[in-house]
Amino acid sequence: MNPDRFRRLRQTLARRQPDLTVLMDGVHKSHNFSAILRNCDAVGVLDAHLVAPEDGVDLHHGTSAGTKKWIRVHMYSK
C-alpha cells in the first residue's frame, strides 16, 4: 500500500463517530433498512439498533451486505 493511500485510510477511520448510534423502530421494508445502514456507513456510525416489527424484517437484502461488515446491528423484539 502506498503512503498516500495509507494516509487517506487513516483519515477516514479517524472520522468515524463511535458516540453516534441509530435506533430504528417500525422499519418494515428491507430496502428501507438497507438504506438506513448505507447512510450509517457513509457518516461513520458504528452501531445500529433495530426494534423488529412483530412480522419480522428481512435482513438479507443484498444491497446492504457490505455495510454490515462495518456496522454492528443489534436486534431487539417487541
C-alpha atoms as a PDB file:
ATOM      1  CA  MET A   1       0.000   0.000   0.000  1.00  0.00           C
ATOM      2  CA  ASN A   2       1.467   3.347  -0.967  1.00  0.00           C
ATOM      3  CA  PRO A   3       1.874   6.060   1.702  1.00  0.00           C
ATOM      4  CA  ASP A   4      -0.827   8.348   0.263  1.00  0.00           C
ATOM      5  CA  ARG A   5      -3.452   5.600   0.274  1.00  0.00           C
ATOM      6  CA  PHE A   6      -2.471   4.621   3.818  1.00  0.00           C
ATOM      7  CA  ARG A   7      -2.808   8.267   4.945  1.00  0.00           C
ATOM      8  CA  ARG A   8      -6.303   8.534   3.387  1.00  0.00           C
ATOM      9  CA  LEU A   9      -7.351   5.289   5.042  1.00  0.00           C
ATOM     10  CA  ARG A  10      -6.235   6.534   8.449  1.00  0.00           C
ATOM     11  CA  GLN A  11      -8.048   9.860   7.916  1.00  0.00           C
ATOM     12  CA  THR A  12     -11.258   8.031   7.039  1.00  0.00           C
ATOM     13  CA  LEU A  13     -11.014   5.826  10.110  1.00  0.00           C
ATOM     14  CA  ALA A  14     -10.394   8.881  12.297  1.00  0.00           C
ATOM     15  CA  ARG A  15     -13.696  10.429  11.110  1.00  0.00           C
ATOM     16  CA  ARG A  16     -15.850   7.555  12.381  1.00  0.00           C
ATOM     17  CA  GLN A  17     -18.436   8.521  15.007  1.00  0.00           C
ATOM     18  CA  PRO A  18     -18.427   5.933  17.807  1.00  0.00           C
ATOM     19  CA  ASP A  19     -20.591   8.159  20.024  1.00  0.00           C
ATOM     20  CA  LEU A  20     -23.457   8.320  17.492  1.00  0.00           C
ATOM     21  CA  THR A  21     -25.974   5.467  17.485  1.00  0.00           C
ATOM     22  CA  VAL A  22     -29.011   4.927  15.283  1.00  0.00           C
ATOM     23  CA  LEU A  23     -32.246   3.380  16.596  1.00  0.00           C
ATOM     24  CA  MET A  24     -34.763   2.014  14.098  1.00  0.00           C
ATOM     25  CA  ASP A  25     -38.282   1.206  15.240  1.00  0.00           C
ATOM     26  CA  GLY A  26     -41.123   0.385  12.879  1.00  0.00           C
ATOM     27  CA  VAL A  27     -38.966  -0.267   9.809  1.00  0.00           C
ATOM     28  CA  HIS A  28     -40.998  -2.866   7.904  1.00  0.00           C
ATOM     29  CA  LYS A  29     -39.392  -2.901   4.465  1.00  0.00           C
ATOM     30  CA  SER A  30     -35.952  -4.377   3.902  1.00  0.00           C
ATOM     31  CA  HIS A  31     -34.983  -1.719   1.343  1.00  0.00           C
ATOM     32  CA  ASN A  32     -35.573   1.000   3.961  1.00  0.00           C
ATOM     33  CA  PHE A  33     -33.446  -0.899   6.461  1.00  0.00           C
ATOM     34  CA  SER A  34     -30.707  -1.246   3.838  1.00  0.00           C
ATOM     35  CA  ALA A  35     -30.849   2.463   3.011  1.00  0.00           C
ATOM     36  CA  ILE A  36     -30.509   3.396   6.679  1.00  0.00           C
ATOM     37  CA  LEU A  37     -27.498   1.095   7.044  1.00  0.00           C
ATOM     38  CA  ARG A  38     -25.853   2.588   3.950  1.00  0.00           C
ATOM     39  CA  ASN A  39     -26.302   6.068   5.420  1.00  0.00           C
ATOM     40  CA  CYS A  40     -24.860   4.896   8.736  1.00  0.00           C
ATOM     41  CA  ASP A  41     -21.856   3.565   6.868  1.00  0.00           C
ATOM     42  CA  ALA A  42     -21.465   6.811   4.917  1.00  0.00           C
ATOM     43  CA  VAL A  43     -21.300   9.001   8.030  1.00  0.00           C
ATOM     44  CA  GLY A  44     -19.250   6.617  10.165  1.00  0.00           C
ATOM     45  CA  VAL A  45     -21.887   5.281  12.563  1.00  0.00           C
ATOM     46  CA  LEU A  46     -20.602   2.065  14.144  1.00  0.00           C
ATOM     47  CA  ASP A  47     -23.760   0.764  15.881  1.00  0.00           C
ATOM     48  CA  ALA A  48     -27.349   0.499  14.695  1.00  0.00           C
ATOM     49  CA  HIS A  49     -30.185  -0.830  16.836  1.00  0.00           C
ATOM     50  CA  LEU A  50     -33.306  -2.336  15.280  1.00  0.00           C
ATOM     51  CA  VAL A  51     -36.557  -2.996  17.119  1.00  0.00           C
ATOM     52  CA  ALA A  52     -38.020  -5.590  14.775  1.00  0.00           C
ATOM     53  CA  PRO A  53     -41.721  -5.416  13.950  1.00  0.00           C
ATOM     54  CA  GLU A  54     -43.858  -8.369  15.025  1.00  0.00           C
ATOM     55  CA  ASP A  55     -43.926  -9.754  11.475  1.00  0.00           C
ATOM     56  CA  GLY A  56     -40.122  -9.501  11.291  1.00  0.00           C
ATOM     57  CA  VAL A  57     -37.881  -7.836   8.734  1.00  0.00           C
ATOM     58  CA  ASP A  58     -35.752  -9.448   6.036  1.00  0.00           C
ATOM     59  CA  LEU A  59     -32.145  -8.595   6.859  1.00  0.00           C
ATOM     60  CA  HIS A  60     -30.707 -10.461   3.898  1.00  0.00           C
ATOM     61  CA  HIS A  61     -31.291  -7.725   1.353  1.00  0.00           C
ATOM     62  CA  GLY A  62     -28.203  -7.758  -0.888  1.00  0.00           C
ATOM     63  CA  THR A  63     -27.650  -4.014  -1.139  1.00  0.00           C
ATOM     64  CA  SER A  64     -26.544  -3.674   2.481  1.00  0.00           C
ATOM     65  CA  ALA A  65     -24.361  -6.773   2.586  1.00  0.00           C
ATOM     66  CA  GLY A  66     -21.125  -4.771   2.523  1.00  0.00           C
ATOM     67  CA  THR A  67     -22.178  -2.272   5.166  1.00  0.00           C
ATOM     68  CA  LYS A  68     -22.948  -4.994   7.691  1.00  0.00           C
ATOM     69  CA  LYS A  69     -19.227  -5.771   7.725  1.00  0.00           C
ATOM     70  CA  TRP A  70     -18.551  -2.370   9.303  1.00  0.00           C
ATOM     71  CA  ILE A  71     -21.696  -1.676  11.335  1.00  0.00           C
ATOM     72  CA  ARG A  72     -22.786  -3.681  14.352  1.00  0.00           C
ATOM     73  CA  VAL A  73     -26.518  -4.324  14.060  1.00  0.00           C
ATOM     74  CA  HIS A  74     -28.246  -5.034  17.371  1.00  0.00           C
ATOM     75  CA  MET A  75     -31.670  -6.695  17.079  1.00  0.00           C
ATOM     76  CA  TYR A  76     -34.490  -6.432  19.614  1.00  0.00           C
ATOM     77  CA  SER A  77     -38.029  -7.778  19.572  1.00  0.00           C
ATOM     78  CA  LYS A  78     -41.135  -6.036  20.854  1.00  0.00           C
END
